[in-house]
N, C-alpha and C. Protein backbone atom coordinates (compact mmCIF):
# COMPACT_ATOMS: atom_id res chain seq x y z
N MET A 1 0.85 -1.18 0.00
CA MET A 1 0.00 0.00 0.00
C MET A 1 0.89 1.23 0.00
N THR A 2 0.82 2.03 -1.06
CA THR A 2 1.68 3.18 -1.15
C THR A 2 1.05 4.40 -0.48
N ASP A 3 -0.27 4.50 -0.47
CA ASP A 3 -0.95 5.65 0.13
C ASP A 3 -1.09 5.42 1.62
N ARG A 4 -0.75 6.42 2.43
CA ARG A 4 -0.82 6.30 3.88
C ARG A 4 -1.77 7.34 4.44
N PRO A 5 -3.09 7.10 4.36
CA PRO A 5 -4.05 8.11 4.83
C PRO A 5 -3.92 8.41 6.31
N TRP A 6 -3.45 7.44 7.08
CA TRP A 6 -3.30 7.64 8.53
C TRP A 6 -2.40 8.84 8.81
N ALA A 7 -1.27 8.90 8.14
CA ALA A 7 -0.32 9.99 8.37
C ALA A 7 -0.94 11.34 8.04
N ARG A 8 -1.71 11.40 6.97
CA ARG A 8 -2.33 12.67 6.60
C ARG A 8 -3.35 13.11 7.65
N LEU A 9 -4.01 12.16 8.30
CA LEU A 9 -4.97 12.49 9.34
C LEU A 9 -4.29 13.02 10.60
N VAL A 10 -3.13 12.46 10.92
CA VAL A 10 -2.49 12.73 12.20
C VAL A 10 -1.72 14.05 12.20
N ASP A 11 -0.89 14.28 11.21
CA ASP A 11 0.01 15.43 11.22
C ASP A 11 -0.69 16.69 10.72
N ARG A 12 -0.42 17.80 11.41
CA ARG A 12 -0.97 19.09 10.99
C ARG A 12 -0.34 19.53 9.67
N ARG A 13 0.92 19.21 9.47
CA ARG A 13 1.64 19.67 8.29
C ARG A 13 1.78 18.53 7.30
N SER A 14 2.25 18.86 6.11
CA SER A 14 2.53 17.81 5.14
C SER A 14 3.48 16.81 5.78
N VAL A 15 3.17 15.56 5.63
CA VAL A 15 3.93 14.54 6.35
C VAL A 15 5.35 14.43 5.81
N ASN A 16 6.29 14.55 6.73
CA ASN A 16 7.69 14.36 6.39
C ASN A 16 8.34 13.65 7.57
N ARG A 17 8.39 12.32 7.50
CA ARG A 17 8.89 11.56 8.63
C ARG A 17 10.39 11.76 8.85
N GLY A 18 11.05 12.42 7.90
CA GLY A 18 12.46 12.70 8.09
C GLY A 18 12.70 14.04 8.77
N ASP A 19 11.66 14.77 9.09
CA ASP A 19 11.79 16.06 9.76
C ASP A 19 12.44 15.85 11.13
N GLU A 20 13.57 16.49 11.37
CA GLU A 20 14.34 16.24 12.59
C GLU A 20 13.59 16.69 13.85
N ARG A 21 12.90 17.83 13.77
CA ARG A 21 12.16 18.30 14.95
C ARG A 21 11.02 17.36 15.28
N ARG A 22 10.30 16.92 14.27
CA ARG A 22 9.20 15.98 14.49
C ARG A 22 9.72 14.68 15.09
N THR A 23 10.82 14.19 14.53
CA THR A 23 11.42 12.95 15.03
C THR A 23 11.86 13.10 16.48
N ALA A 24 12.47 14.25 16.81
CA ALA A 24 12.93 14.48 18.18
C ALA A 24 11.75 14.55 19.15
N LEU A 25 10.67 15.17 18.74
CA LEU A 25 9.48 15.26 19.60
C LEU A 25 8.90 13.88 19.86
N LEU A 26 8.78 13.07 18.83
CA LEU A 26 8.20 11.74 19.02
C LEU A 26 9.12 10.85 19.84
N ARG A 27 10.44 11.00 19.66
CA ARG A 27 11.37 10.20 20.46
C ARG A 27 11.26 10.57 21.94
N ALA A 28 11.18 11.88 22.23
CA ALA A 28 11.05 12.32 23.61
C ALA A 28 9.72 11.86 24.21
N PHE A 29 8.67 11.95 23.43
CA PHE A 29 7.35 11.52 23.87
C PHE A 29 7.36 10.03 24.22
N ASP A 30 7.96 9.25 23.34
CA ASP A 30 8.03 7.80 23.57
C ASP A 30 8.79 7.49 24.85
N GLU A 31 9.90 8.19 25.08
CA GLU A 31 10.69 7.96 26.29
C GLU A 31 9.88 8.25 27.55
N LEU A 32 9.13 9.32 27.54
CA LEU A 32 8.33 9.69 28.71
C LEU A 32 7.20 8.70 28.96
N LEU A 33 6.62 8.18 27.88
CA LEU A 33 5.51 7.24 28.03
C LEU A 33 5.95 5.89 28.61
N ARG A 34 7.25 5.62 28.60
CA ARG A 34 7.74 4.37 29.18
C ARG A 34 7.58 4.37 30.70
N ASP A 35 7.54 5.57 31.31
CA ASP A 35 7.46 5.67 32.76
C ASP A 35 6.21 6.39 33.26
N GLN A 36 5.48 7.03 32.35
CA GLN A 36 4.31 7.81 32.76
C GLN A 36 3.11 7.47 31.86
N SER A 37 1.93 7.73 32.40
CA SER A 37 0.72 7.58 31.59
C SER A 37 0.61 8.77 30.66
N LEU A 38 -0.28 8.66 29.68
CA LEU A 38 -0.49 9.78 28.76
C LEU A 38 -0.92 11.03 29.52
N ASP A 39 -1.77 10.87 30.51
CA ASP A 39 -2.27 12.01 31.28
C ASP A 39 -1.14 12.68 32.06
N GLU A 40 -0.18 11.90 32.53
CA GLU A 40 0.91 12.44 33.34
C GLU A 40 1.95 13.19 32.51
N VAL A 41 2.13 12.80 31.26
CA VAL A 41 3.11 13.47 30.41
C VAL A 41 2.60 14.85 30.03
N ASN A 42 3.48 15.85 30.04
CA ASN A 42 3.06 17.19 29.62
C ASN A 42 3.88 17.65 28.42
N VAL A 43 3.26 18.50 27.62
CA VAL A 43 3.86 18.95 26.37
C VAL A 43 5.15 19.73 26.62
N ALA A 44 5.20 20.49 27.70
CA ALA A 44 6.40 21.27 28.01
C ALA A 44 7.62 20.36 28.19
N GLU A 45 7.41 19.22 28.87
CA GLU A 45 8.52 18.30 29.09
C GLU A 45 8.91 17.60 27.80
N ILE A 46 7.94 17.24 26.98
CA ILE A 46 8.25 16.64 25.68
C ILE A 46 9.13 17.60 24.88
N SER A 47 8.72 18.86 24.82
CA SER A 47 9.44 19.86 24.04
C SER A 47 10.84 20.09 24.59
N ARG A 48 10.94 20.17 25.93
CA ARG A 48 12.25 20.39 26.55
C ARG A 48 13.21 19.26 26.20
N ARG A 49 12.74 18.03 26.31
CA ARG A 49 13.60 16.88 26.00
C ARG A 49 13.99 16.86 24.53
N ALA A 50 13.08 17.33 23.68
CA ALA A 50 13.34 17.32 22.24
C ALA A 50 14.23 18.48 21.81
N GLY A 51 14.41 19.46 22.73
CA GLY A 51 15.24 20.61 22.42
C GLY A 51 14.58 21.61 21.50
N VAL A 52 13.24 21.67 21.58
CA VAL A 52 12.50 22.62 20.75
C VAL A 52 11.53 23.40 21.65
N THR A 53 10.90 24.41 21.09
CA THR A 53 9.93 25.17 21.85
C THR A 53 8.61 24.41 21.96
N ARG A 54 7.80 24.81 22.95
CA ARG A 54 6.49 24.18 23.14
C ARG A 54 5.60 24.38 21.92
N SER A 55 5.72 25.55 21.30
CA SER A 55 4.90 25.82 20.12
C SER A 55 5.25 24.89 18.96
N ALA A 56 6.49 24.38 18.95
CA ALA A 56 6.89 23.46 17.89
C ALA A 56 6.06 22.18 17.94
N PHE A 57 5.74 21.75 19.16
CA PHE A 57 4.91 20.54 19.29
C PHE A 57 3.58 20.75 18.57
N TYR A 58 2.96 21.89 18.82
CA TYR A 58 1.64 22.16 18.24
C TYR A 58 1.71 22.52 16.76
N PHE A 59 2.91 22.80 16.28
CA PHE A 59 3.10 22.98 14.84
C PHE A 59 2.79 21.68 14.12
N TYR A 60 3.14 20.56 14.77
CA TYR A 60 2.94 19.25 14.15
C TYR A 60 1.67 18.54 14.59
N PHE A 61 1.34 18.67 15.88
CA PHE A 61 0.26 17.84 16.43
C PHE A 61 -0.78 18.68 17.16
N GLU A 62 -2.00 18.31 16.99
CA GLU A 62 -3.12 19.00 17.65
C GLU A 62 -3.06 18.84 19.16
N SER A 63 -2.61 17.67 19.64
CA SER A 63 -2.61 17.38 21.07
C SER A 63 -1.70 16.19 21.35
N LYS A 64 -1.50 15.90 22.63
CA LYS A 64 -0.75 14.70 23.02
C LYS A 64 -1.44 13.46 22.49
N ALA A 65 -2.76 13.43 22.59
CA ALA A 65 -3.52 12.26 22.17
C ALA A 65 -3.30 11.98 20.68
N VAL A 66 -3.31 13.03 19.88
CA VAL A 66 -3.09 12.86 18.45
C VAL A 66 -1.64 12.45 18.17
N ALA A 67 -0.71 12.96 18.95
CA ALA A 67 0.69 12.58 18.77
C ALA A 67 0.90 11.09 19.03
N VAL A 68 0.09 10.51 19.91
CA VAL A 68 0.17 9.06 20.14
C VAL A 68 -0.08 8.32 18.83
N LEU A 69 -1.03 8.80 18.04
CA LEU A 69 -1.31 8.16 16.76
C LEU A 69 -0.09 8.21 15.85
N ALA A 70 0.65 9.31 15.91
CA ALA A 70 1.87 9.41 15.12
C ALA A 70 2.89 8.37 15.57
N LEU A 71 2.96 8.14 16.88
CA LEU A 71 3.86 7.09 17.39
C LEU A 71 3.44 5.72 16.89
N MET A 72 2.14 5.55 16.61
CA MET A 72 1.64 4.27 16.13
C MET A 72 1.71 4.16 14.61
N GLY A 73 2.37 5.13 13.97
CA GLY A 73 2.45 5.12 12.51
C GLY A 73 3.09 3.86 11.96
N GLU A 74 4.13 3.36 12.63
CA GLU A 74 4.79 2.15 12.15
C GLU A 74 3.85 0.96 12.21
N LEU A 75 3.05 0.88 13.29
CA LEU A 75 2.07 -0.19 13.38
C LEU A 75 1.09 -0.11 12.22
N TYR A 76 0.62 1.09 11.93
CA TYR A 76 -0.33 1.26 10.83
C TYR A 76 0.29 0.82 9.51
N ASP A 77 1.53 1.21 9.27
CA ASP A 77 2.19 0.85 8.02
C ASP A 77 2.35 -0.67 7.91
N GLU A 78 2.77 -1.30 9.00
CA GLU A 78 2.96 -2.75 8.98
C GLU A 78 1.63 -3.48 8.79
N ALA A 79 0.60 -2.98 9.48
CA ALA A 79 -0.72 -3.59 9.32
C ALA A 79 -1.22 -3.42 7.89
N SER A 80 -0.94 -2.27 7.29
CA SER A 80 -1.33 -2.03 5.91
C SER A 80 -0.66 -3.02 4.97
N ASP A 81 0.65 -3.22 5.16
CA ASP A 81 1.38 -4.14 4.30
C ASP A 81 0.88 -5.57 4.48
N ALA A 82 0.63 -5.97 5.73
CA ALA A 82 0.14 -7.32 5.99
C ALA A 82 -1.26 -7.51 5.41
N THR A 83 -2.09 -6.48 5.52
CA THR A 83 -3.44 -6.57 4.98
C THR A 83 -3.41 -6.64 3.46
N ASP A 84 -2.47 -5.95 2.85
CA ASP A 84 -2.30 -6.05 1.40
C ASP A 84 -2.10 -7.51 0.99
N LEU A 85 -1.26 -8.22 1.75
CA LEU A 85 -1.01 -9.64 1.44
C LEU A 85 -2.27 -10.46 1.65
N LEU A 86 -3.02 -10.12 2.68
CA LEU A 86 -4.25 -10.86 2.97
C LEU A 86 -5.25 -10.71 1.83
N VAL A 87 -5.47 -9.48 1.39
CA VAL A 87 -6.53 -9.24 0.42
C VAL A 87 -6.15 -9.69 -0.99
N LYS A 88 -4.87 -9.88 -1.24
CA LYS A 88 -4.48 -10.41 -2.55
C LYS A 88 -4.96 -11.85 -2.71
N ALA A 89 -5.23 -12.52 -1.58
CA ALA A 89 -5.78 -13.88 -1.59
C ALA A 89 -4.94 -14.83 -2.43
N GLU A 90 -3.62 -14.71 -2.30
CA GLU A 90 -2.71 -15.62 -3.00
C GLU A 90 -2.17 -16.64 -2.01
N GLY A 91 -2.24 -17.91 -2.37
CA GLY A 91 -1.78 -18.96 -1.48
C GLY A 91 -2.87 -19.37 -0.51
N GLU A 92 -2.48 -20.17 0.49
CA GLU A 92 -3.45 -20.68 1.46
C GLU A 92 -3.90 -19.59 2.42
N PRO A 93 -5.17 -19.64 2.81
CA PRO A 93 -5.70 -18.60 3.70
C PRO A 93 -5.03 -18.55 5.08
N GLU A 94 -4.73 -19.71 5.65
CA GLU A 94 -4.25 -19.75 7.04
C GLU A 94 -2.99 -18.94 7.25
N PRO A 95 -1.94 -19.11 6.44
CA PRO A 95 -0.73 -18.32 6.68
C PRO A 95 -0.94 -16.83 6.43
N ARG A 96 -1.82 -16.47 5.51
CA ARG A 96 -2.09 -15.05 5.25
C ARG A 96 -2.77 -14.41 6.45
N ILE A 97 -3.78 -15.08 6.98
CA ILE A 97 -4.50 -14.54 8.14
C ILE A 97 -3.61 -14.52 9.36
N ARG A 98 -2.84 -15.55 9.56
CA ARG A 98 -1.94 -15.60 10.72
C ARG A 98 -0.89 -14.49 10.65
N ALA A 99 -0.40 -14.19 9.45
CA ALA A 99 0.60 -13.14 9.30
C ALA A 99 0.04 -11.79 9.72
N VAL A 100 -1.20 -11.49 9.33
CA VAL A 100 -1.81 -10.21 9.71
C VAL A 100 -1.96 -10.11 11.22
N ILE A 101 -2.46 -11.17 11.84
CA ILE A 101 -2.71 -11.13 13.28
C ILE A 101 -1.38 -11.07 14.05
N ASN A 102 -0.39 -11.82 13.60
CA ASN A 102 0.91 -11.77 14.27
C ASN A 102 1.55 -10.39 14.15
N THR A 103 1.32 -9.72 13.03
CA THR A 103 1.85 -8.37 12.86
C THR A 103 1.33 -7.43 13.94
N LEU A 104 0.05 -7.54 14.24
CA LEU A 104 -0.55 -6.69 15.28
C LEU A 104 0.06 -6.98 16.64
N PHE A 105 0.18 -8.26 16.98
CA PHE A 105 0.74 -8.63 18.28
C PHE A 105 2.22 -8.27 18.36
N ASP A 106 2.95 -8.40 17.24
CA ASP A 106 4.37 -8.03 17.24
C ASP A 106 4.54 -6.55 17.57
N ALA A 107 3.70 -5.71 16.98
CA ALA A 107 3.80 -4.27 17.20
C ALA A 107 3.55 -3.92 18.66
N VAL A 108 2.58 -4.56 19.27
CA VAL A 108 2.29 -4.31 20.68
C VAL A 108 3.43 -4.80 21.56
N ASP A 109 3.98 -5.95 21.24
CA ASP A 109 5.07 -6.50 22.04
C ASP A 109 6.32 -5.63 21.96
N ARG A 110 6.54 -4.96 20.83
CA ARG A 110 7.70 -4.07 20.69
C ARG A 110 7.52 -2.79 21.49
N SER A 111 6.29 -2.34 21.63
CA SER A 111 6.06 -1.04 22.27
C SER A 111 4.75 -1.04 23.05
N PRO A 112 4.66 -1.86 24.11
CA PRO A 112 3.39 -1.95 24.85
C PRO A 112 2.99 -0.64 25.51
N HIS A 113 3.98 0.18 25.93
CA HIS A 113 3.65 1.45 26.57
C HIS A 113 2.95 2.39 25.59
N THR A 114 3.36 2.34 24.32
CA THR A 114 2.73 3.19 23.32
C THR A 114 1.30 2.76 23.06
N TYR A 115 1.08 1.46 23.00
CA TYR A 115 -0.28 0.98 22.75
C TYR A 115 -1.19 1.29 23.93
N ARG A 116 -0.67 1.20 25.14
CA ARG A 116 -1.49 1.56 26.30
C ARG A 116 -1.85 3.05 26.26
N ALA A 117 -0.90 3.87 25.79
CA ALA A 117 -1.20 5.30 25.63
C ALA A 117 -2.26 5.51 24.56
N LEU A 118 -2.22 4.70 23.52
CA LEU A 118 -3.24 4.78 22.49
C LEU A 118 -4.63 4.48 23.05
N LEU A 119 -4.71 3.47 23.88
CA LEU A 119 -5.99 3.12 24.50
C LEU A 119 -6.52 4.29 25.32
N GLU A 120 -5.62 4.94 26.04
CA GLU A 120 -5.99 6.10 26.85
C GLU A 120 -6.45 7.26 25.96
N ALA A 121 -5.72 7.46 24.85
CA ALA A 121 -6.07 8.55 23.94
C ALA A 121 -7.43 8.31 23.30
N ARG A 122 -7.69 7.09 22.89
CA ARG A 122 -8.98 6.78 22.28
C ARG A 122 -10.13 6.98 23.25
N ALA A 123 -9.87 6.72 24.52
CA ALA A 123 -10.93 6.82 25.52
C ALA A 123 -11.23 8.26 25.90
N THR A 124 -10.28 9.18 25.67
CA THR A 124 -10.43 10.55 26.17
C THR A 124 -10.55 11.60 25.08
N SER A 125 -10.19 11.26 23.86
CA SER A 125 -10.15 12.27 22.80
C SER A 125 -11.09 11.91 21.65
N PRO A 126 -12.16 12.69 21.43
CA PRO A 126 -13.05 12.44 20.29
C PRO A 126 -12.33 12.49 18.95
N SER A 127 -11.37 13.41 18.80
CA SER A 127 -10.67 13.51 17.52
C SER A 127 -9.83 12.26 17.26
N VAL A 128 -9.23 11.71 18.32
CA VAL A 128 -8.46 10.48 18.14
C VAL A 128 -9.38 9.33 17.78
N ARG A 129 -10.53 9.26 18.45
CA ARG A 129 -11.48 8.19 18.10
C ARG A 129 -11.90 8.31 16.65
N ASP A 130 -12.15 9.53 16.19
CA ASP A 130 -12.55 9.72 14.79
C ASP A 130 -11.44 9.29 13.83
N MET A 131 -10.20 9.67 14.15
CA MET A 131 -9.07 9.30 13.29
C MET A 131 -8.86 7.79 13.29
N TRP A 132 -8.97 7.19 14.50
CA TRP A 132 -8.81 5.74 14.61
C TRP A 132 -9.85 5.02 13.76
N GLU A 133 -11.10 5.47 13.85
CA GLU A 133 -12.17 4.83 13.10
C GLU A 133 -11.99 5.03 11.59
N ALA A 134 -11.46 6.20 11.20
CA ALA A 134 -11.21 6.44 9.78
C ALA A 134 -10.16 5.46 9.25
N GLY A 135 -9.08 5.30 10.01
CA GLY A 135 -8.05 4.34 9.60
C GLY A 135 -8.57 2.92 9.61
N ARG A 136 -9.35 2.59 10.63
CA ARG A 136 -9.89 1.24 10.76
C ARG A 136 -10.87 0.93 9.63
N ALA A 137 -11.62 1.94 9.18
CA ALA A 137 -12.55 1.75 8.08
C ALA A 137 -11.83 1.34 6.80
N ASP A 138 -10.59 1.86 6.62
CA ASP A 138 -9.79 1.46 5.46
C ASP A 138 -9.54 -0.04 5.48
N PHE A 139 -9.14 -0.55 6.66
CA PHE A 139 -8.86 -1.98 6.78
C PHE A 139 -10.14 -2.81 6.59
N ALA A 140 -11.23 -2.35 7.19
CA ALA A 140 -12.49 -3.09 7.08
C ALA A 140 -12.92 -3.20 5.62
N GLY A 141 -12.75 -2.11 4.88
CA GLY A 141 -13.10 -2.15 3.47
C GLY A 141 -12.26 -3.14 2.68
N MET A 142 -10.97 -3.21 3.01
CA MET A 142 -10.08 -4.15 2.33
C MET A 142 -10.45 -5.59 2.65
N VAL A 143 -10.78 -5.86 3.91
CA VAL A 143 -11.18 -7.22 4.30
C VAL A 143 -12.49 -7.60 3.62
N ALA A 144 -13.44 -6.67 3.57
CA ALA A 144 -14.72 -6.95 2.91
C ALA A 144 -14.52 -7.25 1.43
N GLU A 145 -13.63 -6.51 0.80
CA GLU A 145 -13.33 -6.75 -0.62
C GLU A 145 -12.77 -8.14 -0.82
N MET A 146 -11.87 -8.55 0.08
CA MET A 146 -11.29 -9.89 -0.02
C MET A 146 -12.35 -10.97 0.15
N ILE A 147 -13.24 -10.78 1.14
CA ILE A 147 -14.29 -11.77 1.39
C ILE A 147 -15.19 -11.91 0.17
N GLU A 148 -15.59 -10.80 -0.41
CA GLU A 148 -16.46 -10.85 -1.58
C GLU A 148 -15.77 -11.53 -2.76
N ARG A 149 -14.49 -11.25 -2.95
CA ARG A 149 -13.75 -11.88 -4.04
C ARG A 149 -13.60 -13.37 -3.82
N GLU A 150 -13.33 -13.78 -2.59
CA GLU A 150 -13.19 -15.20 -2.29
C GLU A 150 -14.52 -15.94 -2.43
N ARG A 151 -15.61 -15.27 -2.06
CA ARG A 151 -16.93 -15.89 -2.25
C ARG A 151 -17.23 -16.07 -3.74
N ALA A 152 -16.92 -15.04 -4.52
CA ALA A 152 -17.19 -15.10 -5.96
C ALA A 152 -16.39 -16.21 -6.63
N ALA A 153 -15.19 -16.47 -6.11
CA ALA A 153 -14.33 -17.52 -6.67
C ALA A 153 -14.70 -18.90 -6.17
N GLY A 154 -15.64 -18.98 -5.21
CA GLY A 154 -16.04 -20.26 -4.67
C GLY A 154 -15.14 -20.79 -3.57
N HIS A 155 -14.24 -19.94 -3.07
CA HIS A 155 -13.32 -20.37 -2.01
C HIS A 155 -13.90 -20.15 -0.62
N ALA A 156 -14.66 -19.08 -0.46
CA ALA A 156 -15.26 -18.75 0.84
C ALA A 156 -16.73 -19.12 0.82
N VAL A 157 -17.26 -19.37 2.02
CA VAL A 157 -18.65 -19.77 2.13
C VAL A 157 -19.55 -18.53 2.15
N ALA A 158 -20.81 -18.72 1.77
CA ALA A 158 -21.78 -17.64 1.86
C ALA A 158 -22.00 -17.29 3.33
N GLY A 159 -22.39 -16.05 3.57
CA GLY A 159 -22.59 -15.63 4.95
C GLY A 159 -23.12 -14.23 5.05
N PRO A 160 -22.93 -13.59 6.18
CA PRO A 160 -23.42 -12.22 6.38
C PRO A 160 -22.79 -11.24 5.39
N ASP A 161 -23.36 -10.04 5.35
CA ASP A 161 -22.81 -8.98 4.53
C ASP A 161 -21.30 -8.86 4.77
N ALA A 162 -20.54 -8.80 3.70
CA ALA A 162 -19.08 -8.82 3.82
C ALA A 162 -18.54 -7.63 4.59
N SER A 163 -19.14 -6.47 4.42
CA SER A 163 -18.67 -5.29 5.14
C SER A 163 -18.89 -5.43 6.63
N ALA A 164 -20.08 -5.93 7.01
CA ALA A 164 -20.37 -6.13 8.43
C ALA A 164 -19.45 -7.21 9.01
N LEU A 165 -19.22 -8.27 8.24
CA LEU A 165 -18.37 -9.35 8.71
C LEU A 165 -16.93 -8.87 8.92
N GLY A 166 -16.42 -8.10 7.96
CA GLY A 166 -15.06 -7.58 8.09
C GLY A 166 -14.92 -6.70 9.32
N ALA A 167 -15.92 -5.86 9.57
CA ALA A 167 -15.88 -4.97 10.73
C ALA A 167 -15.87 -5.75 12.03
N VAL A 168 -16.69 -6.81 12.11
CA VAL A 168 -16.77 -7.60 13.34
C VAL A 168 -15.47 -8.37 13.57
N LEU A 169 -14.89 -8.91 12.51
CA LEU A 169 -13.61 -9.62 12.66
C LEU A 169 -12.51 -8.68 13.15
N LEU A 170 -12.52 -7.45 12.66
CA LEU A 170 -11.54 -6.48 13.15
C LEU A 170 -11.82 -6.09 14.60
N ASP A 171 -13.11 -6.07 14.98
CA ASP A 171 -13.45 -5.84 16.39
C ASP A 171 -12.78 -6.89 17.27
N LEU A 172 -12.83 -8.14 16.84
CA LEU A 172 -12.21 -9.22 17.61
C LEU A 172 -10.71 -9.00 17.74
N ASN A 173 -10.08 -8.62 16.64
CA ASN A 173 -8.64 -8.34 16.69
C ASN A 173 -8.33 -7.22 17.67
N ASP A 174 -9.12 -6.15 17.61
CA ASP A 174 -8.88 -5.00 18.49
C ASP A 174 -8.98 -5.40 19.96
N GLN A 175 -10.01 -6.15 20.29
CA GLN A 175 -10.21 -6.57 21.68
C GLN A 175 -9.08 -7.48 22.14
N ALA A 176 -8.65 -8.38 21.26
CA ALA A 176 -7.58 -9.31 21.62
C ALA A 176 -6.27 -8.58 21.85
N VAL A 177 -5.94 -7.65 20.95
CA VAL A 177 -4.68 -6.90 21.09
C VAL A 177 -4.72 -6.01 22.33
N GLU A 178 -5.88 -5.43 22.61
CA GLU A 178 -6.02 -4.61 23.81
C GLU A 178 -5.78 -5.43 25.07
N ARG A 179 -6.39 -6.59 25.15
CA ARG A 179 -6.19 -7.44 26.33
C ARG A 179 -4.74 -7.87 26.46
N HIS A 180 -4.12 -8.16 25.33
CA HIS A 180 -2.71 -8.56 25.35
C HIS A 180 -1.84 -7.41 25.86
N ALA A 181 -2.11 -6.19 25.40
CA ALA A 181 -1.33 -5.03 25.83
C ALA A 181 -1.47 -4.79 27.33
N LEU A 182 -2.63 -5.12 27.86
CA LEU A 182 -2.89 -4.91 29.29
C LEU A 182 -2.50 -6.12 30.14
N GLY A 183 -1.96 -7.15 29.50
CA GLY A 183 -1.54 -8.34 30.24
C GLY A 183 -2.68 -9.22 30.67
N LEU A 184 -3.78 -9.17 29.94
CA LEU A 184 -4.96 -9.97 30.27
C LEU A 184 -5.16 -11.08 29.25
N GLY A 185 -6.02 -12.02 29.59
CA GLY A 185 -6.38 -13.05 28.62
C GLY A 185 -5.36 -14.17 28.55
N PRO A 186 -5.52 -15.06 27.58
CA PRO A 186 -4.62 -16.21 27.43
C PRO A 186 -3.25 -15.77 26.92
N PRO A 187 -2.25 -16.66 26.96
CA PRO A 187 -0.94 -16.35 26.38
C PRO A 187 -1.07 -15.98 24.90
N ARG A 188 -0.09 -15.25 24.41
CA ARG A 188 -0.16 -14.75 23.03
C ARG A 188 -0.44 -15.87 22.02
N GLU A 189 0.30 -16.97 22.09
CA GLU A 189 0.15 -18.03 21.10
C GLU A 189 -1.28 -18.56 21.07
N GLN A 190 -1.87 -18.74 22.24
CA GLN A 190 -3.24 -19.22 22.29
C GLN A 190 -4.22 -18.19 21.76
N HIS A 191 -3.95 -16.93 22.06
CA HIS A 191 -4.80 -15.86 21.57
C HIS A 191 -4.77 -15.82 20.04
N VAL A 192 -3.58 -15.88 19.46
CA VAL A 192 -3.43 -15.85 18.01
C VAL A 192 -4.11 -17.05 17.37
N ASP A 193 -3.88 -18.24 17.92
CA ASP A 193 -4.49 -19.46 17.38
C ASP A 193 -6.02 -19.35 17.37
N ALA A 194 -6.58 -18.83 18.45
CA ALA A 194 -8.03 -18.69 18.54
C ALA A 194 -8.55 -17.71 17.48
N LEU A 195 -7.87 -16.58 17.32
CA LEU A 195 -8.30 -15.61 16.33
C LEU A 195 -8.21 -16.17 14.91
N VAL A 196 -7.12 -16.86 14.61
CA VAL A 196 -6.96 -17.45 13.28
C VAL A 196 -8.08 -18.44 13.00
N THR A 197 -8.40 -19.26 13.99
CA THR A 197 -9.47 -20.25 13.82
C THR A 197 -10.82 -19.56 13.56
N ILE A 198 -11.09 -18.50 14.29
CA ILE A 198 -12.35 -17.78 14.10
C ILE A 198 -12.43 -17.17 12.70
N TRP A 199 -11.34 -16.52 12.28
CA TRP A 199 -11.31 -15.92 10.94
C TRP A 199 -11.52 -17.00 9.85
N LEU A 200 -10.80 -18.10 9.98
CA LEU A 200 -10.90 -19.15 8.97
C LEU A 200 -12.29 -19.76 8.91
N SER A 201 -12.83 -20.10 10.08
CA SER A 201 -14.13 -20.76 10.12
C SER A 201 -15.25 -19.81 9.66
N THR A 202 -15.10 -18.54 9.97
CA THR A 202 -16.12 -17.56 9.59
C THR A 202 -16.12 -17.29 8.09
N ILE A 203 -14.93 -17.15 7.52
CA ILE A 203 -14.84 -16.80 6.10
C ILE A 203 -14.89 -18.03 5.21
N TYR A 204 -14.16 -19.09 5.60
CA TYR A 204 -13.99 -20.24 4.72
C TYR A 204 -14.77 -21.48 5.17
N GLY A 205 -15.34 -21.43 6.37
CA GLY A 205 -16.13 -22.57 6.82
C GLY A 205 -15.30 -23.68 7.42
N GLY A 206 -14.05 -23.40 7.74
CA GLY A 206 -13.18 -24.41 8.33
C GLY A 206 -11.88 -23.80 8.75
N ALA A 207 -11.03 -24.56 9.39
CA ALA A 207 -9.75 -24.08 9.90
C ALA A 207 -8.58 -24.40 9.00
N SER A 208 -8.85 -24.52 7.72
CA SER A 208 -7.76 -24.82 6.79
C SER A 208 -8.05 -24.19 5.44
């Protein structure tokens, strides 16, 4: 996927991930989130650590909550790439679906503090919720397209509306990743296996 709508939603300015000030702000923000909650971190400290003025932060980001989405940009890019492989429907379904789900869990495992901050931002910021849903709608549309194509080819079983089904399957992923980030639920391997089985049985009528 070459187009990255997530980045355009998050950044106030034209997206330039090589911008040194932006990079410094996000690095400082990430460091602070390792020891503090999103509510505890303040913009003045982020800016001080980044070596820029407080106004520089707001040059790029509407708020701390929105800046969390920028920190999650790598997750969005990886999920986009994995979803591209899923919707191409090349090869066996199981490894394609497992790759997408593992990508989500990998991202959380690399940066659990960032994902916990994202959960906090989504719960407290209407603009973040809107941006999250906009990005999520992109994925849901891609999954629905894949389901419809697989049904037309005779590979997937008939079932509920593809758009509704794609949205519900992504709901399951979101809940599972959230519980994993918070240290709840079954071990990761069991969580992934359960999700893969649900996706396979729902779309293809079986676990293979």
